[in-house]
Amino acid sequence: MAIDRYRTPDGSLELLVIREADEITVGFDSYSWHTHGDVLAADYGIAGVKVSSPEEAVQRFLSDLRSDRAPIIMCRKSGKVYDVYAAVSMPARDKYMEPGETAEIRYWSGRGAHAS
């Protein structure tokens, strides 16, 4: 197993890319959300971007994320962050949020944050 770590410039988030023999997992350290290389390959396919493999999809995702082309969503309940996830494209506003929950959209650089 190999683990690559990427920290946001403001130091608030660390993204992990975990490579095992038959799987690549991507997620933020200390949060439950994660995705896999094969899922990213399918997501990019839906978005109309051709990728030839899960590894290529992960590399594309990392590039998009670290270049502020993919949003990071910070989910909060009563002001405390309980999960962080990233998306291939801008997500729709979550209609299933409970009272007291908010979703802050930011980018890798820290710019563009706004609450829903």
PDB file of N, CA and C in Angstrom:
ATOM      1  N   MET A   1       0.848  -1.177   0.000  1.00  0.00           N
ATOM      2  CA  MET A   1       0.000   0.000   0.000  1.00  0.00           C
ATOM      3  C   MET A   1       0.893   1.240   0.000  1.00  0.00           C
ATOM      4  N   ALA A   2       0.478   2.235  -0.795  1.00  0.00           N
ATOM      5  CA  ALA A   2       1.179   3.520  -0.851  1.00  0.00           C
ATOM      6  C   ALA A   2       0.163   4.632  -0.576  1.00  0.00           C
ATOM      7  N   ILE A   3       0.573   5.632   0.190  1.00  0.00           N
ATOM      8  CA  ILE A   3      -0.312   6.747   0.517  1.00  0.00           C
ATOM      9  C   ILE A   3       0.367   8.050   0.106  1.00  0.00           C
ATOM     10  N   ASP A   4      -0.318   8.819  -0.764  1.00  0.00           N
ATOM     11  CA  ASP A   4       0.132  10.162  -1.125  1.00  0.00           C
ATOM     12  C   ASP A   4      -0.719  11.148  -0.348  1.00  0.00           C
ATOM     13  N   ARG A   5      -0.100  12.200   0.164  1.00  0.00           N
ATOM     14  CA  ARG A   5      -0.801  13.216   0.965  1.00  0.00           C
ATOM     15  C   ARG A   5      -0.662  14.578   0.293  1.00  0.00           C
ATOM     16  N   TYR A   6      -1.775  15.298   0.231  1.00  0.00           N
ATOM     17  CA  TYR A   6      -1.806  16.637  -0.363  1.00  0.00           C
ATOM     18  C   TYR A   6      -2.508  17.566   0.616  1.00  0.00           C
ATOM     19  N   ARG A   7      -1.818  18.600   1.070  1.00  0.00           N
ATOM     20  CA  ARG A   7      -2.378  19.553   2.039  1.00  0.00           C
ATOM     21  C   ARG A   7      -2.761  20.839   1.324  1.00  0.00           C
ATOM     22  N   THR A   8      -3.938  21.385   1.672  1.00  0.00           N
ATOM     23  CA  THR A   8      -4.360  22.662   1.090  1.00  0.00           C
ATOM     24  C   THR A   8      -3.382  23.754   1.521  1.00  0.00           C
ATOM     25  N   PRO A   9      -3.249  24.822   0.722  1.00  0.00           N
ATOM     26  CA  PRO A   9      -2.308  25.889   1.063  1.00  0.00           C
ATOM     27  C   PRO A   9      -2.555  26.501   2.446  1.00  0.00           C
ATOM     28  N   ASP A  10      -3.821  26.547   2.891  1.00  0.00           N
ATOM     29  CA  ASP A  10      -4.110  27.115   4.205  1.00  0.00           C
ATOM     30  C   ASP A  10      -3.918  26.097   5.330  1.00  0.00           C
ATOM     31  N   GLY A  11      -3.567  24.848   4.971  1.00  0.00           N
ATOM     32  CA  GLY A  11      -3.284  23.817   5.961  1.00  0.00           C
ATOM     33  C   GLY A  11      -4.498  23.208   6.640  1.00  0.00           C
ATOM     34  N   SER A  12      -5.689  23.569   6.200  1.00  0.00           N
ATOM     35  CA  SER A  12      -6.893  23.114   6.903  1.00  0.00           C
ATOM     36  C   SER A  12      -7.365  21.719   6.496  1.00  0.00           C
ATOM     37  N   LEU A  13      -6.960  21.251   5.317  1.00  0.00           N
ATOM     38  CA  LEU A  13      -7.406  19.947   4.836  1.00  0.00           C
ATOM     39  C   LEU A  13      -6.238  19.155   4.265  1.00  0.00           C
ATOM     40  N   GLU A  14      -6.309  17.838   4.440  1.00  0.00           N
ATOM     41  CA  GLU A  14      -5.315  16.962   3.838  1.00  0.00           C
ATOM     42  C   GLU A  14      -6.051  15.871   3.066  1.00  0.00           C
ATOM     43  N   LEU A  15      -5.752  15.783   1.782  1.00  0.00           N
ATOM     44  CA  LEU A  15      -6.339  14.773   0.913  1.00  0.00           C
ATOM     45  C   LEU A  15      -5.387  13.587   0.845  1.00  0.00           C
ATOM     46  N   LEU A  16      -5.943  12.389   1.006  1.00  0.00           N
ATOM     47  CA  LEU A  16      -5.151  11.169   0.931  1.00  0.00           C
ATOM     48  C   LEU A  16      -5.505  10.401  -0.334  1.00  0.00           C
ATOM     49  N   VAL A  17      -4.504   9.887  -1.015  1.00  0.00           N
ATOM     50  CA  VAL A  17      -4.696   8.986  -2.143  1.00  0.00           C
ATOM     51  C   VAL A  17      -4.010   7.686  -1.733  1.00  0.00           C
ATOM     52  N   ILE A  18      -4.825   6.648  -1.534  1.00  0.00           N
ATOM     53  CA  ILE A  18      -4.331   5.362  -1.054  1.00  0.00           C
ATOM     54  C   ILE A  18      -4.380   4.369  -2.208  1.00  0.00           C
ATOM     55  N   ARG A  19      -3.200   3.875  -2.579  1.00  0.00           N
ATOM     56  CA  ARG A  19      -3.096   2.910  -3.677  1.00  0.00           C
ATOM     57  C   ARG A  19      -2.808   1.537  -3.114  1.00  0.00           C
ATOM     58  N   GLU A  20      -3.712   0.621  -3.382  1.00  0.00           N
ATOM     59  CA  GLU A  20      -3.528  -0.774  -3.008  1.00  0.00           C
ATOM     60  C   GLU A  20      -3.421  -1.578  -4.299  1.00  0.00           C
ATOM     61  N   ALA A  21      -3.176  -2.852  -4.206  1.00  0.00           N
ATOM     62  CA  ALA A  21      -2.934  -3.691  -5.379  1.00  0.00           C
ATOM     63  C   ALA A  21      -4.019  -3.553  -6.443  1.00  0.00           C
ATOM     64  N   ASP A  22      -5.274  -3.523  -6.037  1.00  0.00           N
ATOM     65  CA  ASP A  22      -6.364  -3.514  -7.020  1.00  0.00           C
ATOM     66  C   ASP A  22      -7.330  -2.345  -6.859  1.00  0.00           C
ATOM     67  N   GLU A  23      -6.949  -1.314  -6.097  1.00  0.00           N
ATOM     68  CA  GLU A  23      -7.896  -0.229  -5.830  1.00  0.00           C
ATOM     69  C   GLU A  23      -7.168   1.060  -5.471  1.00  0.00           C
ATOM     70  N   ILE A  24      -7.773   2.177  -5.872  1.00  0.00           N
ATOM     71  CA  ILE A  24      -7.286   3.501  -5.482  1.00  0.00           C
ATOM     72  C   ILE A  24      -8.427   4.187  -4.744  1.00  0.00           C
ATOM     73  N   THR A  25      -8.140   4.657  -3.526  1.00  0.00           N
ATOM     74  CA  THR A  25      -9.134   5.350  -2.712  1.00  0.00           C
ATOM     75  C   THR A  25      -8.656   6.779  -2.484  1.00  0.00           C
ATOM     76  N   VAL A  26      -9.581   7.741  -2.603  1.00  0.00           N
ATOM     77  CA  VAL A  26      -9.275   9.157  -2.409  1.00  0.00           C
ATOM     78  C   VAL A  26     -10.243   9.707  -1.372  1.00  0.00           C
ATOM     79  N   GLY A  27      -9.728  10.417  -0.359  1.00  0.00           N
ATOM     80  CA  GLY A  27     -10.591  11.018   0.647  1.00  0.00           C
ATOM     81  C   GLY A  27      -9.819  11.989   1.522  1.00  0.00           C
ATOM     82  N   PHE A  28     -10.548  12.784   2.276  1.00  0.00           N
ATOM     83  CA  PHE A  28      -9.924  13.746   3.179  1.00  0.00           C
ATOM     84  C   PHE A  28      -9.644  13.091   4.526  1.00  0.00           C
ATOM     85  N   ASP A  29      -8.440  13.303   5.043  1.00  0.00           N
ATOM     86  CA  ASP A  29      -8.042  12.732   6.322  1.00  0.00           C
ATOM     87  C   ASP A  29      -9.011  13.170   7.423  1.00  0.00           C
ATOM     88  N   SER A  30      -9.430  12.241   8.246  1.00  0.00           N
ATOM     89  CA  SER A  30     -10.303  12.454   9.410  1.00  0.00           C
ATOM     90  C   SER A  30     -11.783  12.611   9.065  1.00  0.00           C
ATOM     91  N   TYR A  31     -12.165  12.434   7.803  1.00  0.00           N
ATOM     92  CA  TYR A  31     -13.576  12.530   7.407  1.00  0.00           C
ATOM     93  C   TYR A  31     -13.994  11.250   6.694  1.00  0.00           C
ATOM     94  N   SER A  32     -15.288  10.940   6.743  1.00  0.00           N
ATOM     95  CA  SER A  32     -15.754   9.657   6.225  1.00  0.00           C
ATOM     96  C   SER A  32     -15.874   9.593   4.700  1.00  0.00           C
ATOM     97  N   TRP A  33     -16.138  10.726   4.044  1.00  0.00           N
ATOM     98  CA  TRP A  33     -16.328  10.671   2.596  1.00  0.00           C
ATOM     99  C   TRP A  33     -15.062  10.160   1.924  1.00  0.00           C
ATOM    100  N   HIS A  34     -15.255   9.352   0.902  1.00  0.00           N
ATOM    101  CA  HIS A  34     -14.157   8.915   0.050  1.00  0.00           C
ATOM    102  C   HIS A  34     -14.741   8.460  -1.284  1.00  0.00           C
ATOM    103  N   THR A  35     -13.878   8.322  -2.248  1.00  0.00           N
ATOM    104  CA  THR A  35     -14.276   7.808  -3.552  1.00  0.00           C
ATOM    105  C   THR A  35     -13.169   6.882  -4.043  1.00  0.00           C
ATOM    106  N   HIS A  36     -13.414   6.264  -5.179  1.00  0.00           N
ATOM    107  CA  HIS A  36     -12.471   5.297  -5.732  1.00  0.00           C
ATOM    108  C   HIS A  36     -12.154   5.655  -7.182  1.00  0.00           C
ATOM    109  N   GLY A  37     -11.023   5.190  -7.652  1.00  0.00           N
ATOM    110  CA  GLY A  37     -10.597   5.478  -9.016  1.00  0.00           C
ATOM    111  C   GLY A  37     -11.611   5.069 -10.062  1.00  0.00           C
ATOM    112  N   ASP A  38     -12.235   3.895  -9.897  1.00  0.00           N
ATOM    113  CA  ASP A  38     -13.221   3.455 -10.888  1.00  0.00           C
ATOM    114  C   ASP A  38     -14.485   4.315 -10.856  1.00  0.00           C
ATOM    115  N   VAL A  39     -14.854   4.810  -9.679  1.00  0.00           N
ATOM    116  CA  VAL A  39     -16.008   5.714  -9.570  1.00  0.00           C
ATOM    117  C   VAL A  39     -15.683   7.048 -10.241  1.00  0.00           C
ATOM    118  N   LEU A  40     -14.484   7.558 -10.008  1.00  0.00           N
ATOM    119  CA  LEU A  40     -14.075   8.809 -10.654  1.00  0.00           C
ATOM    120  C   LEU A  40     -14.060   8.657 -12.169  1.00  0.00           C
ATOM    121  N   ALA A  41     -13.596   7.510 -12.663  1.00  0.00           N
ATOM    122  CA  ALA A  41     -13.579   7.277 -14.109  1.00  0.00           C
ATOM    123  C   ALA A  41     -14.996   7.344 -14.661  1.00  0.00           C
ATOM    124  N   ALA A  42     -15.958   6.750 -13.961  1.00  0.00           N
ATOM    125  CA  ALA A  42     -17.361   6.801 -14.395  1.00  0.00           C
ATOM    126  C   ALA A  42     -17.901   8.222 -14.304  1.00  0.00           C
ATOM    127  N   ASP A  43     -17.574   8.946 -13.220  1.00  0.00           N
ATOM    128  CA  ASP A  43     -18.044  10.327 -13.059  1.00  0.00           C
ATOM    129  C   ASP A  43     -17.517  11.228 -14.165  1.00  0.00           C
ATOM    130  N   TYR A  44     -16.248  11.083 -14.512  1.00  0.00           N
ATOM    131  CA  TYR A  44     -15.706  11.891 -15.603  1.00  0.00           C
ATOM    132  C   TYR A  44     -16.364  11.526 -16.918  1.00  0.00           C
ATOM    133  N   GLY A  45     -16.695  10.249 -17.103  1.00  0.00           N
ATOM    134  CA  GLY A  45     -17.407   9.825 -18.300  1.00  0.00           C
ATOM    135  C   GLY A  45     -18.767  10.494 -18.405  1.00  0.00           C
ATOM    136  N   ILE A  46     -19.475  10.582 -17.291  1.00  0.00           N
ATOM    137  CA  ILE A  46     -20.775  11.262 -17.261  1.00  0.00           C
ATOM    138  C   ILE A  46     -20.605  12.740 -17.581  1.00  0.00           C
ATOM    139  N   ALA A  47     -19.494  13.317 -17.107  1.00  0.00           N
ATOM    140  CA  ALA A  47     -19.224  14.744 -17.333  1.00  0.00           C
ATOM    141  C   ALA A  47     -18.700  15.009 -18.749  1.00  0.00           C
ATOM    142  N   GLY A  48     -18.545  13.952 -19.551  1.00  0.00           N
ATOM    143  CA  GLY A  48     -18.110  14.135 -20.933  1.00  0.00           C
ATOM    144  C   GLY A  48     -16.610  14.221 -21.135  1.00  0.00           C
ATOM    145  N   VAL A  49     -15.821  13.864 -20.120  1.00  0.00           N
ATOM    146  CA  VAL A  49     -14.368  13.891 -20.218  1.00  0.00           C
ATOM    147  C   VAL A  49     -13.884  12.461 -20.361  1.00  0.00           C
ATOM    148  N   LYS A  50     -13.120  12.184 -21.399  1.00  0.00           N
ATOM    149  CA  LYS A  50     -12.626  10.822 -21.609  1.00  0.00           C
ATOM    150  C   LYS A  50     -11.422  10.550 -20.720  1.00  0.00           C
ATOM    151  N   VAL A  51     -11.482   9.460 -19.985  1.00  0.00           N
ATOM    152  CA  VAL A  51     -10.339   8.959 -19.235  1.00  0.00           C
ATOM    153  C   VAL A  51     -10.220   7.477 -19.559  1.00  0.00           C
ATOM    154  N   SER A  52      -8.998   6.979 -19.618  1.00  0.00           N
ATOM    155  CA  SER A  52      -8.795   5.596 -20.056  1.00  0.00           C
ATOM    156  C   SER A  52      -8.658   4.595 -18.913  1.00  0.00           C
ATOM    157  N   SER A  53      -8.488   5.091 -17.681  1.00  0.00           N
ATOM    158  CA  SER A  53      -8.278   4.169 -16.563  1.00  0.00           C
ATOM    159  C   SER A  53      -8.618   4.862 -15.238  1.00  0.00           C
ATOM    160  N   PRO A  54      -8.818   4.080 -14.183  1.00  0.00           N
ATOM    161  CA  PRO A  54      -9.013   4.683 -12.859  1.00  0.00           C
ATOM    162  C   PRO A  54      -7.833   5.565 -12.443  1.00  0.00           C
ATOM    163  N   GLU A  55      -6.605   5.146 -12.752  1.00  0.00           N
ATOM    164  CA  GLU A  55      -5.431   5.962 -12.411  1.00  0.00           C
ATOM    165  C   GLU A  55      -5.481   7.309 -13.127  1.00  0.00           C
ATOM    166  N   GLU A  56      -5.826   7.302 -14.403  1.00  0.00           N
ATOM    167  CA  GLU A  56      -5.939   8.562 -15.141  1.00  0.00           C
ATOM    168  C   GLU A  56      -7.044   9.434 -14.549  1.00  0.00           C
ATOM    169  N   ALA A  57      -8.145   8.814 -14.142  1.00  0.00           N
ATOM    170  CA  ALA A  57      -9.241   9.570 -13.530  1.00  0.00           C
ATOM    171  C   ALA A  57      -8.791  10.213 -12.219  1.00  0.00           C
ATOM    172  N   VAL A  58      -8.040   9.483 -11.409  1.00  0.00           N
ATOM    173  CA  VAL A  58      -7.534  10.038 -10.146  1.00  0.00           C
ATOM    174  C   VAL A  58      -6.597  11.200 -10.431  1.00  0.00           C
ATOM    175  N   GLN A  59      -5.700  11.052 -11.396  1.00  0.00           N
ATOM    176  CA  GLN A  59      -4.775  12.137 -11.738  1.00  0.00           C
ATOM    177  C   GLN A  59      -5.536  13.365 -12.240  1.00  0.00           C
ATOM    178  N   ARG A  60      -6.554  13.147 -13.045  1.00  0.00           N
ATOM    179  CA  ARG A  60      -7.383  14.251 -13.549  1.00  0.00           C
ATOM    180  C   ARG A  60      -8.100  14.940 -12.384  1.00  0.00           C
ATOM    181  N   PHE A  61      -8.661  14.142 -11.479  1.00  0.00           N
ATOM    182  CA  PHE A  61      -9.360  14.670 -10.315  1.00  0.00           C
ATOM    183  C   PHE A  61      -8.419  15.498  -9.445  1.00  0.00           C
ATOM    184  N   LEU A  62      -7.222  14.976  -9.177  1.00  0.00           N
ATOM    185  CA  LEU A  62      -6.238  15.725  -8.388  1.00  0.00           C
ATOM    186  C   LEU A  62      -5.887  17.041  -9.063  1.00  0.00           C
ATOM    187  N   SER A  63      -5.680  17.010 -10.360  1.00  0.00           N
ATOM    188  CA  SER A  63      -5.361  18.224 -11.103  1.00  0.00           C
ATOM    189  C   SER A  63      -6.509  19.231 -11.023  1.00  0.00           C
ATOM    190  N   ASP A  64      -7.731  18.752 -11.244  1.00  0.00           N
ATOM    191  CA  ASP A  64      -8.894  19.644 -11.178  1.00  0.00           C
ATOM    192  C   ASP A  64      -9.067  20.217  -9.776  1.00  0.00           C
ATOM    193  N   LEU A  65      -8.898  19.384  -8.779  1.00  0.00           N
ATOM    194  CA  LEU A  65      -9.068  19.818  -7.395  1.00  0.00           C
ATOM    195  C   LEU A  65      -8.010  20.848  -7.010  1.00  0.00           C
ATOM    196  N   ARG A  66      -6.746  20.542  -7.277  1.00  0.00           N
ATOM    197  CA  ARG A  66      -5.651  21.408  -6.852  1.00  0.00           C
ATOM    198  C   ARG A  66      -5.512  22.662  -7.712  1.00  0.00           C
ATOM    199  N   SER A  67      -6.238  22.722  -8.841  1.00  0.00           N
ATOM    200  CA  SER A  67      -6.247  23.910  -9.700  1.00  0.00           C
ATOM    201  C   SER A  67      -7.544  24.706  -9.551  1.00  0.00           C
ATOM    202  N   ASP A  68      -8.304  24.416  -8.501  1.00  0.00           N
ATOM    203  CA  ASP A  68      -9.569  25.125  -8.208  1.00  0.00           C
ATOM    204  C   ASP A  68     -10.633  24.937  -9.284  1.00  0.00           C
ATOM    205  N   ARG A  69     -10.588  23.833 -10.028  1.00  0.00           N
ATOM    206  CA  ARG A  69     -11.629  23.544 -11.016  1.00  0.00           C
ATOM    207  C   ARG A  69     -12.709  22.620 -10.454  1.00  0.00           C
ATOM    208  N   ALA A  70     -12.448  21.990  -9.319  1.00  0.00           N
ATOM    209  CA  ALA A  70     -13.422  21.110  -8.669  1.00  0.00           C
ATOM    210  C   ALA A  70     -13.686  21.654  -7.263  1.00  0.00           C
ATOM    211  N   PRO A  71     -14.944  21.740  -6.872  1.00  0.00           N
ATOM    212  CA  PRO A  71     -15.279  22.293  -5.559  1.00  0.00           C
ATOM    213  C   PRO A  71     -15.086  21.295  -4.417  1.00  0.00           C
ATOM    214  N   ILE A  72     -14.849  21.844  -3.249  1.00  0.00           N
ATOM    215  CA  ILE A  72     -14.776  21.085  -2.001  1.00  0.00           C
ATOM    216  C   ILE A  72     -15.959  21.545  -1.155  1.00  0.00           C
ATOM    217  N   ILE A  73     -16.703  20.611  -0.622  1.00  0.00           N
ATOM    218  CA  ILE A  73     -17.882  20.950   0.170  1.00  0.00           C
ATOM    219  C   ILE A  73     -17.620  20.551   1.614  1.00  0.00           C
ATOM    220  N   MET A  74     -17.757  21.528   2.505  1.00  0.00           N
ATOM    221  CA  MET A  74     -17.569  21.301   3.935  1.00  0.00           C
ATOM    222  C   MET A  74     -18.943  21.298   4.591  1.00  0.00           C
ATOM    223  N   CYS A  75     -19.346  20.149   5.100  1.00  0.00           N
ATOM    224  CA  CYS A  75     -20.662  19.988   5.722  1.00  0.00           C
ATOM    225  C   CYS A  75     -20.548  20.284   7.213  1.00  0.00           C
ATOM    226  N   ARG A  76     -21.416  21.160   7.685  1.00  0.00           N
ATOM    227  CA  ARG A  76     -21.395  21.559   9.097  1.00  0.00           C
ATOM    228  C   ARG A  76     -22.755  21.318   9.733  1.00  0.00           C
ATOM    229  N   LYS A  77     -22.712  20.979  10.993  1.00  0.00           N
ATOM    230  CA  LYS A  77     -23.928  20.882  11.793  1.00  0.00           C
ATOM    231  C   LYS A  77     -23.657  21.646  13.071  1.00  0.00           C
ATOM    232  N   SER A  78     -24.513  22.625  13.356  1.00  0.00           N
ATOM    233  CA  SER A  78     -24.334  23.497  14.519  1.00  0.00           C
ATOM    234  C   SER A  78     -22.947  24.127  14.510  1.00  0.00           C
ATOM    235  N   GLY A  79     -22.458  24.481  13.308  1.00  0.00           N
ATOM    236  CA  GLY A  79     -21.188  25.173  13.155  1.00  0.00           C
ATOM    237  C   GLY A  79     -19.956  24.286  13.119  1.00  0.00           C
ATOM    238  N   LYS A  80     -20.095  22.982  13.417  1.00  0.00           N
ATOM    239  CA  LYS A  80     -18.940  22.078  13.451  1.00  0.00           C
ATOM    240  C   LYS A  80     -18.886  21.245  12.168  1.00  0.00           C
ATOM    241  N   VAL A  81     -17.686  21.192  11.547  1.00  0.00           N
ATOM    242  CA  VAL A  81     -17.515  20.396  10.331  1.00  0.00           C
ATOM    243  C   VAL A  81     -17.620  18.919  10.697  1.00  0.00           C
ATOM    244  N   TYR A  82     -18.525  18.195  10.007  1.00  0.00           N
ATOM    245  CA  TYR A  82     -18.655  16.764  10.256  1.00  0.00           C
ATOM    246  C   TYR A  82     -18.271  15.925   9.034  1.00  0.00           C
ATOM    247  N   ASP A  83     -18.170  16.523   7.865  1.00  0.00           N
ATOM    248  CA  ASP A  83     -17.688  15.792   6.698  1.00  0.00           C
ATOM    249  C   ASP A  83     -17.206  16.784   5.649  1.00  0.00           C
ATOM    250  N   VAL A  84     -16.288  16.327   4.816  1.00  0.00           N
ATOM    251  CA  VAL A  84     -15.736  17.124   3.727  1.00  0.00           C
ATOM    252  C   VAL A  84     -15.680  16.220   2.511  1.00  0.00           C
ATOM    253  N   TYR A  85     -16.167  16.731   1.386  1.00  0.00           N
ATOM    254  CA  TYR A  85     -16.059  15.948   0.158  1.00  0.00           C
ATOM    255  C   TYR A  85     -15.748  16.850  -1.016  1.00  0.00           C
ATOM    256  N   ALA A  86     -15.295  16.230  -2.092  1.00  0.00           N
ATOM    257  CA  ALA A  86     -14.975  16.962  -3.311  1.00  0.00           C
ATOM    258  C   ALA A  86     -15.810  16.387  -4.437  1.00  0.00           C
ATOM    259  N   ALA A  87     -16.049  17.192  -5.460  1.00  0.00           N
ATOM    260  CA  ALA A  87     -16.911  16.776  -6.563  1.00  0.00           C
ATOM    261  C   ALA A  87     -16.251  17.084  -7.894  1.00  0.00           C
ATOM    262  N   VAL A  88     -16.613  16.295  -8.905  1.00  0.00           N
ATOM    263  CA  VAL A  88     -16.109  16.525 -10.263  1.00  0.00           C
ATOM    264  C   VAL A  88     -16.671  17.832 -10.799  1.00  0.00           C
ATOM    265  N   SER A  89     -17.912  18.166 -10.412  1.00  0.00           N
ATOM    266  CA  SER A  89     -18.542  19.414 -10.843  1.00  0.00           C
ATOM    267  C   SER A  89     -19.314  20.006  -9.669  1.00  0.00           C
ATOM    268  N   MET A  90     -19.808  21.211  -9.841  1.00  0.00           N
ATOM    269  CA  MET A  90     -20.521  21.891  -8.767  1.00  0.00           C
ATOM    270  C   MET A  90     -21.792  21.112  -8.410  1.00  0.00           C
ATOM    271  N   PRO A  91     -21.937  20.714  -7.150  1.00  0.00           N
ATOM    272  CA  PRO A  91     -23.120  19.948  -6.753  1.00  0.00           C
ATOM    273  C   PRO A  91     -24.349  20.838  -6.634  1.00  0.00           C
ATOM    274  N   ALA A  92     -25.513  20.201  -6.749  1.00  0.00           N
ATOM    275  CA  ALA A  92     -26.769  20.916  -6.524  1.00  0.00           C
ATOM    276  C   ALA A  92     -26.929  21.155  -5.027  1.00  0.00           C
ATOM    277  N   ARG A  93     -27.667  22.149  -4.668  1.00  0.00           N
ATOM    278  CA  ARG A  93     -27.926  22.419  -3.262  1.00  0.00           C
ATOM    279  C   ARG A  93     -28.615  21.204  -2.645  1.00  0.00           C
ATOM    280  N   ASP A  94     -28.170  20.783  -1.478  1.00  0.00           N
ATOM    281  CA  ASP A  94     -28.687  19.572  -0.848  1.00  0.00           C
ATOM    282  C   ASP A  94     -30.031  19.839  -0.184  1.00  0.00           C
ATOM    283  N   LYS A  95     -31.092  19.302  -0.787  1.00  0.00           N
ATOM    284  CA  LYS A  95     -32.435  19.514  -0.246  1.00  0.00           C
ATOM    285  C   LYS A  95     -32.720  18.627   0.951  1.00  0.00           C
ATOM    286  N   TYR A  96     -31.800  17.716   1.269  1.00  0.00           N
ATOM    287  CA  TYR A  96     -32.009  16.802   2.383  1.00  0.00           C
ATOM    288  C   TYR A  96     -31.327  17.255   3.667  1.00  0.00           C
ATOM    289  N   MET A  97     -30.813  18.463   3.683  1.00  0.00           N
ATOM    290  CA  MET A  97     -30.141  18.962   4.875  1.00  0.00           C
ATOM    291  C   MET A  97     -31.155  19.163   5.999  1.00  0.00           C
ATOM    292  N   GLU A  98     -30.711  18.851   7.195  1.00  0.00           N
ATOM    293  CA  GLU A  98     -31.555  19.012   8.373  1.00  0.00           C
ATOM    294  C   GLU A  98     -31.359  20.409   8.958  1.00  0.00           C
ATOM    295  N   PRO A  99     -32.287  20.840   9.818  1.00  0.00           N
ATOM    296  CA  PRO A  99     -32.103  22.140  10.473  1.00  0.00           C
ATOM    297  C   PRO A  99     -30.758  22.182  11.200  1.00  0.00           C
ATOM    298  N   GLY A 100     -30.067  23.291  11.058  1.00  0.00           N
ATOM    299  CA  GLY A 100     -28.760  23.452  11.677  1.00  0.00           C
ATOM    300  C   GLY A 100     -27.607  22.986  10.822  1.00  0.00           C
ATOM    301  N   GLU A 101     -27.893  22.359   9.653  1.00  0.00           N
ATOM    302  CA  GLU A 101     -26.831  21.905   8.763  1.00  0.00           C
ATOM    303  C   GLU A 101     -26.602  22.923   7.647  1.00  0.00           C
ATOM    304  N   THR A 102     -25.344  23.116   7.295  1.00  0.00           N
ATOM    305  CA  THR A 102     -24.991  23.989   6.178  1.00  0.00           C
ATOM    306  C   THR A 102     -23.904  23.300   5.350  1.00  0.00           C
ATOM    307  N   ALA A 103     -23.763  23.741   4.126  1.00  0.00           N
ATOM    308  CA  ALA A 103     -22.699  23.237   3.256  1.00  0.00           C
ATOM    309  C   ALA A 103     -21.938  24.437   2.721  1.00  0.00           C
ATOM    310  N   GLU A 104     -20.682  24.520   3.076  1.00  0.00           N
ATOM    311  CA  GLU A 104     -19.811  25.599   2.612  1.00  0.00           C
ATOM    312  C   GLU A 104     -19.034  25.095   1.406  1.00  0.00           C
ATOM    313  N   ILE A 105     -19.099  25.829   0.328  1.00  0.00           N
ATOM    314  CA  ILE A 105     -18.375  25.448  -0.876  1.00  0.00           C
ATOM    315  C   ILE A 105     -17.112  26.293  -0.970  1.00  0.00           C
ATOM    316  N   ARG A 106     -15.994  25.611  -1.072  1.00  0.00           N
ATOM    317  CA  ARG A 106     -14.705  26.284  -1.184  1.00  0.00           C
ATOM    318  C   ARG A 106     -13.881  25.565  -2.238  1.00  0.00           C
ATOM    319  N   TYR A 107     -12.717  26.107  -2.503  1.00  0.00           N
ATOM    320  CA  TYR A 107     -11.796  25.492  -3.443  1.00  0.00           C
ATOM    321  C   TYR A 107     -10.485  25.180  -2.730  1.00  0.00           C
ATOM    322  N   TRP A 108      -9.631  24.408  -3.381  1.00  0.00           N
ATOM    323  CA  TRP A 108      -8.371  23.995  -2.801  1.00  0.00           C
ATOM    324  C   TRP A 108      -7.590  25.180  -2.243  1.00  0.00           C
ATOM    325  N   SER A 109      -7.536  26.265  -3.005  1.00  0.00           N
ATOM    326  CA  SER A 109      -6.777  27.447  -2.577  1.00  0.00           C
ATOM    327  C   SER A 109      -7.397  28.157  -1.395  1.00  0.00           C
ATOM    328  N   GLY A 110      -8.647  27.831  -1.070  1.00  0.00           N
ATOM    329  CA  GLY A 110      -9.366  28.508   0.010  1.00  0.00           C
ATOM    330  C   GLY A 110     -10.304  29.576  -0.498  1.00  0.00           C
ATOM    331  N   ARG A 111     -10.253  29.896  -1.786  1.00  0.00           N
ATOM    332  CA  ARG A 111     -11.081  30.957  -2.329  1.00  0.00           C
ATOM    333  C   ARG A 111     -12.510  30.477  -2.628  1.00  0.00           C
ATOM    334  N   GLY A 112     -13.370  31.422  -2.839  1.00  0.00           N
ATOM    335  CA  GLY A 112     -14.717  31.150  -3.327  1.00  0.00           C
ATOM    336  C   GLY A 112     -15.670  30.528  -2.352  1.00  0.00           C
ATOM    337  N   ALA A 113     -15.373  30.580  -1.080  1.00  0.00           N
ATOM    338  CA  ALA A 113     -16.258  29.967  -0.092  1.00  0.00           C
ATOM    339  C   ALA A 113     -17.546  30.749   0.044  1.00  0.00           C
ATOM    340  N   HIS A 114     -18.654  30.018   0.070  1.00  0.00           N
ATOM    341  CA  HIS A 114     -19.944  30.601   0.397  1.00  0.00           C
ATOM    342  C   HIS A 114     -20.822  29.511   0.990  1.00  0.00           C
ATOM    343  N   ALA A 115     -21.759  29.901   1.807  1.00  0.00           N
ATOM    344  CA  ALA A 115     -22.605  28.937   2.506  1.00  0.00           C
ATOM    345  C   ALA A 115     -23.926  28.748   1.786  1.00  0.00           C
ATOM    346  N   SER A 116     -24.509  27.588   1.985  1.00  0.00           N
ATOM    347  CA  SER A 116     -25.850  27.330   1.449  1.00  0.00           C
ATOM    348  C   SER A 116     -26.857  27.346   2.575  1.00  0.00           C
TER     349      SER A 116
END
